[in-house]
Amino acid sequence: MSNQWMQGILRSKKSKELLYMLFPNLPTKTLGGSFFWDTLDRKNGWKLQKNLITEHYRILDPENVRQAWSPDESSIWRTFRKFTLVSQD
């Protein structure tokens, strides 16, 4: 499967919505985004990252456990703000 084909599929809004419905978030330990991830923001140990290949987003907690993911940038930013506000207490 070529990278261009995958990116074409994931750019479609309908495909992104279907992907999000089929694969709910399961908190999963990660390597922290050393490969294939661009860290867009860090706050209180939390990271918001974008995948360089699929262009989807994820939020990692301070222990590098994925707590949320989304193909939609605006929704993941809202979720990131919620997580980081709660973690300030």
N, C-alpha and C. Protein backbone atom coordinates (compact mmCIF):
# COMPACT_ATOMS: atom_id res chain seq x y z
N MET A 1 0.86 -1.17 0.00
CA MET A 1 0.00 0.00 0.00
C MET A 1 0.91 1.23 0.00
N SER A 2 0.69 2.13 -0.96
CA SER A 2 1.55 3.30 -1.06
C SER A 2 1.12 4.40 -0.11
N ASN A 3 2.07 5.22 0.27
CA ASN A 3 1.82 6.34 1.16
C ASN A 3 0.84 7.32 0.53
N GLN A 4 0.96 7.58 -0.78
CA GLN A 4 0.06 8.51 -1.48
C GLN A 4 -1.37 8.00 -1.43
N TRP A 5 -1.56 6.71 -1.64
CA TRP A 5 -2.90 6.12 -1.61
C TRP A 5 -3.52 6.31 -0.23
N MET A 6 -2.75 6.02 0.81
CA MET A 6 -3.25 6.15 2.19
C MET A 6 -3.60 7.60 2.49
N GLN A 7 -2.75 8.53 2.09
CA GLN A 7 -3.03 9.94 2.35
C GLN A 7 -4.27 10.40 1.60
N GLY A 8 -4.47 9.91 0.37
CA GLY A 8 -5.67 10.24 -0.39
C GLY A 8 -6.93 9.77 0.31
N ILE A 9 -6.89 8.57 0.83
CA ILE A 9 -8.04 8.01 1.56
C ILE A 9 -8.32 8.85 2.81
N LEU A 10 -7.28 9.19 3.57
CA LEU A 10 -7.47 9.88 4.84
C LEU A 10 -7.81 11.35 4.68
N ARG A 11 -7.62 11.94 3.51
CA ARG A 11 -7.98 13.34 3.29
C ARG A 11 -9.48 13.51 3.13
N SER A 12 -10.17 12.47 2.73
CA SER A 12 -11.61 12.53 2.56
C SER A 12 -12.28 12.66 3.93
N LYS A 13 -13.17 13.65 4.08
CA LYS A 13 -13.84 13.86 5.36
C LYS A 13 -14.65 12.63 5.77
N LYS A 14 -15.34 12.04 4.83
CA LYS A 14 -16.16 10.85 5.13
C LYS A 14 -15.27 9.70 5.62
N SER A 15 -14.11 9.52 5.00
CA SER A 15 -13.19 8.47 5.42
C SER A 15 -12.68 8.72 6.83
N LYS A 16 -12.37 9.99 7.14
CA LYS A 16 -11.89 10.31 8.49
C LYS A 16 -12.96 10.02 9.53
N GLU A 17 -14.20 10.39 9.24
CA GLU A 17 -15.28 10.14 10.19
C GLU A 17 -15.47 8.64 10.40
N LEU A 18 -15.42 7.86 9.33
CA LEU A 18 -15.58 6.41 9.42
C LEU A 18 -14.44 5.81 10.23
N LEU A 19 -13.22 6.24 9.96
CA LEU A 19 -12.06 5.75 10.69
C LEU A 19 -12.20 6.00 12.18
N TYR A 20 -12.65 7.20 12.53
CA TYR A 20 -12.81 7.57 13.93
C TYR A 20 -13.87 6.71 14.61
N MET A 21 -14.95 6.39 13.90
CA MET A 21 -16.01 5.56 14.48
C MET A 21 -15.56 4.11 14.62
N LEU A 22 -14.78 3.61 13.67
CA LEU A 22 -14.36 2.21 13.70
C LEU A 22 -13.28 1.92 14.73
N PHE A 23 -12.48 2.93 15.05
CA PHE A 23 -11.35 2.73 15.95
C PHE A 23 -11.42 3.69 17.13
N PRO A 24 -12.21 3.36 18.15
CA PRO A 24 -12.28 4.24 19.31
C PRO A 24 -10.93 4.25 20.04
N ASN A 25 -10.73 5.29 20.86
CA ASN A 25 -9.46 5.35 21.58
C ASN A 25 -9.43 4.31 22.69
N LEU A 26 -8.35 3.59 22.74
CA LEU A 26 -8.02 2.72 23.87
C LEU A 26 -6.72 3.26 24.42
N PRO A 27 -6.69 3.67 25.68
CA PRO A 27 -5.42 4.17 26.24
C PRO A 27 -4.30 3.15 26.00
N THR A 28 -3.27 3.57 25.30
CA THR A 28 -2.21 2.68 24.88
C THR A 28 -0.85 3.31 25.15
N LYS A 29 0.04 2.56 25.77
CA LYS A 29 1.40 3.02 26.00
C LYS A 29 2.10 3.20 24.66
N THR A 30 2.81 4.32 24.50
CA THR A 30 3.52 4.61 23.25
C THR A 30 4.99 4.88 23.55
N LEU A 31 5.75 5.07 22.50
CA LEU A 31 7.17 5.42 22.65
C LEU A 31 7.35 6.92 22.79
N GLY A 32 6.26 7.69 22.77
CA GLY A 32 6.34 9.12 22.99
C GLY A 32 6.46 9.96 21.74
N GLY A 33 6.43 9.33 20.59
CA GLY A 33 6.45 10.09 19.34
C GLY A 33 7.82 10.35 18.77
N SER A 34 8.76 9.47 19.03
CA SER A 34 10.11 9.65 18.51
C SER A 34 10.17 9.51 16.99
N PHE A 35 9.27 8.71 16.43
CA PHE A 35 9.25 8.46 14.99
C PHE A 35 7.86 8.75 14.45
N PHE A 36 7.79 9.35 13.29
CA PHE A 36 6.54 9.57 12.55
C PHE A 36 5.59 10.58 13.17
N TRP A 37 5.99 11.29 14.22
CA TRP A 37 5.11 12.24 14.90
C TRP A 37 5.75 13.60 15.03
N ASP A 38 4.94 14.63 14.80
CA ASP A 38 5.36 16.01 15.02
C ASP A 38 4.63 16.50 16.26
N THR A 39 5.35 16.95 17.27
CA THR A 39 4.73 17.46 18.48
C THR A 39 4.32 18.91 18.24
N LEU A 40 3.00 19.16 18.28
CA LEU A 40 2.46 20.48 18.01
C LEU A 40 2.44 21.36 19.26
N ASP A 41 2.25 20.74 20.43
CA ASP A 41 2.20 21.50 21.68
C ASP A 41 2.52 20.58 22.84
N ARG A 42 3.07 21.17 23.89
CA ARG A 42 3.35 20.47 25.15
C ARG A 42 2.84 21.35 26.27
N LYS A 43 2.18 20.74 27.24
CA LYS A 43 1.70 21.50 28.38
C LYS A 43 1.50 20.55 29.57
N ASN A 44 2.09 20.91 30.69
CA ASN A 44 1.96 20.11 31.92
C ASN A 44 2.29 18.63 31.70
N GLY A 45 3.26 18.36 30.83
CA GLY A 45 3.66 16.98 30.55
C GLY A 45 2.85 16.30 29.45
N TRP A 46 1.75 16.92 29.02
CA TRP A 46 0.90 16.37 27.96
C TRP A 46 1.45 16.80 26.61
N LYS A 47 1.26 15.96 25.58
CA LYS A 47 1.71 16.29 24.23
C LYS A 47 0.57 16.13 23.23
N LEU A 48 0.48 17.09 22.34
CA LEU A 48 -0.43 16.99 21.20
C LEU A 48 0.45 16.75 19.98
N GLN A 49 0.19 15.64 19.27
CA GLN A 49 1.04 15.26 18.15
C GLN A 49 0.24 15.00 16.88
N LYS A 50 0.92 15.19 15.74
CA LYS A 50 0.33 14.90 14.43
C LYS A 50 1.19 13.85 13.75
N ASN A 51 0.55 12.82 13.21
CA ASN A 51 1.27 11.78 12.50
C ASN A 51 1.71 12.30 11.13
N LEU A 52 2.99 12.11 10.80
CA LEU A 52 3.55 12.63 9.57
C LEU A 52 3.09 11.86 8.34
N ILE A 53 2.60 10.65 8.51
CA ILE A 53 2.17 9.83 7.37
C ILE A 53 0.65 9.93 7.18
N THR A 54 -0.10 9.62 8.21
CA THR A 54 -1.56 9.58 8.09
C THR A 54 -2.22 10.93 8.36
N GLU A 55 -1.48 11.83 8.99
CA GLU A 55 -1.95 13.17 9.34
C GLU A 55 -3.08 13.17 10.37
N HIS A 56 -3.19 12.12 11.18
CA HIS A 56 -4.16 12.16 12.28
C HIS A 56 -3.45 12.65 13.53
N TYR A 57 -4.22 12.96 14.55
CA TYR A 57 -3.70 13.59 15.76
C TYR A 57 -3.90 12.68 16.96
N ARG A 58 -3.04 12.86 17.98
CA ARG A 58 -3.21 12.13 19.22
C ARG A 58 -2.75 12.99 20.38
N ILE A 59 -3.22 12.63 21.57
CA ILE A 59 -2.82 13.30 22.81
C ILE A 59 -2.20 12.25 23.71
N LEU A 60 -0.99 12.55 24.18
CA LEU A 60 -0.29 11.65 25.11
C LEU A 60 -0.24 12.30 26.48
N ASP A 61 -0.45 11.49 27.52
CA ASP A 61 -0.35 12.00 28.88
C ASP A 61 1.12 12.04 29.29
N PRO A 62 1.43 12.50 30.50
CA PRO A 62 2.84 12.59 30.92
C PRO A 62 3.59 11.26 30.93
N GLU A 63 2.88 10.13 30.94
CA GLU A 63 3.53 8.82 30.90
C GLU A 63 3.56 8.25 29.48
N ASN A 64 3.27 9.08 28.47
CA ASN A 64 3.24 8.67 27.06
C ASN A 64 2.17 7.64 26.75
N VAL A 65 1.06 7.70 27.47
CA VAL A 65 -0.09 6.85 27.17
C VAL A 65 -1.05 7.68 26.32
N ARG A 66 -1.46 7.11 25.17
CA ARG A 66 -2.40 7.82 24.31
C ARG A 66 -3.76 7.89 24.99
N GLN A 67 -4.25 9.10 25.20
CA GLN A 67 -5.53 9.31 25.87
C GLN A 67 -6.64 9.71 24.90
N ALA A 68 -6.28 10.17 23.71
CA ALA A 68 -7.27 10.54 22.71
C ALA A 68 -6.60 10.58 21.34
N TRP A 69 -7.41 10.44 20.31
CA TRP A 69 -6.93 10.60 18.95
C TRP A 69 -8.09 11.08 18.10
N SER A 70 -7.77 11.71 16.98
CA SER A 70 -8.81 12.20 16.08
C SER A 70 -8.20 12.55 14.73
N PRO A 71 -8.99 12.39 13.68
CA PRO A 71 -8.54 12.88 12.38
C PRO A 71 -8.83 14.37 12.20
N ASP A 72 -9.57 14.96 13.16
CA ASP A 72 -10.01 16.35 13.05
C ASP A 72 -9.18 17.26 13.95
N GLU A 73 -8.49 18.22 13.35
CA GLU A 73 -7.58 19.08 14.10
C GLU A 73 -8.30 19.95 15.13
N SER A 74 -9.42 20.56 14.77
CA SER A 74 -10.09 21.46 15.72
C SER A 74 -10.62 20.70 16.94
N SER A 75 -11.15 19.50 16.73
CA SER A 75 -11.66 18.75 17.88
C SER A 75 -10.53 18.27 18.80
N ILE A 76 -9.37 17.92 18.22
CA ILE A 76 -8.28 17.45 19.07
C ILE A 76 -7.68 18.59 19.88
N TRP A 77 -7.67 19.81 19.31
CA TRP A 77 -7.20 20.97 20.07
C TRP A 77 -8.13 21.25 21.24
N ARG A 78 -9.44 21.14 21.05
CA ARG A 78 -10.39 21.34 22.16
C ARG A 78 -10.16 20.30 23.25
N THR A 79 -9.97 19.06 22.83
CA THR A 79 -9.73 17.98 23.79
C THR A 79 -8.42 18.20 24.54
N PHE A 80 -7.38 18.64 23.83
CA PHE A 80 -6.09 18.90 24.45
C PHE A 80 -6.22 19.98 25.52
N ARG A 81 -6.96 21.04 25.22
CA ARG A 81 -7.16 22.11 26.22
C ARG A 81 -7.88 21.57 27.46
N LYS A 82 -8.86 20.69 27.25
CA LYS A 82 -9.58 20.11 28.40
C LYS A 82 -8.64 19.27 29.27
N PHE A 83 -7.84 18.41 28.64
CA PHE A 83 -6.91 17.58 29.40
C PHE A 83 -5.90 18.42 30.16
N THR A 84 -5.37 19.45 29.52
CA THR A 84 -4.30 20.23 30.17
C THR A 84 -4.85 21.16 31.24
N LEU A 85 -6.09 21.60 31.11
CA LEU A 85 -6.69 22.41 32.18
C LEU A 85 -6.94 21.57 33.42
N VAL A 86 -7.44 20.36 33.24
CA VAL A 86 -7.71 19.47 34.37
C VAL A 86 -6.42 19.08 35.07
N SER A 87 -5.33 18.89 34.31
CA SER A 87 -4.07 18.44 34.91
C SER A 87 -3.35 19.54 35.68
N GLN A 88 -3.82 20.78 35.62
CA GLN A 88 -3.19 21.87 36.36
C GLN A 88 -3.57 21.84 37.84
N ASP A 89 -4.68 21.20 38.16
CA ASP A 89 -5.16 21.18 39.56
C ASP A 89 -4.24 20.40 40.47
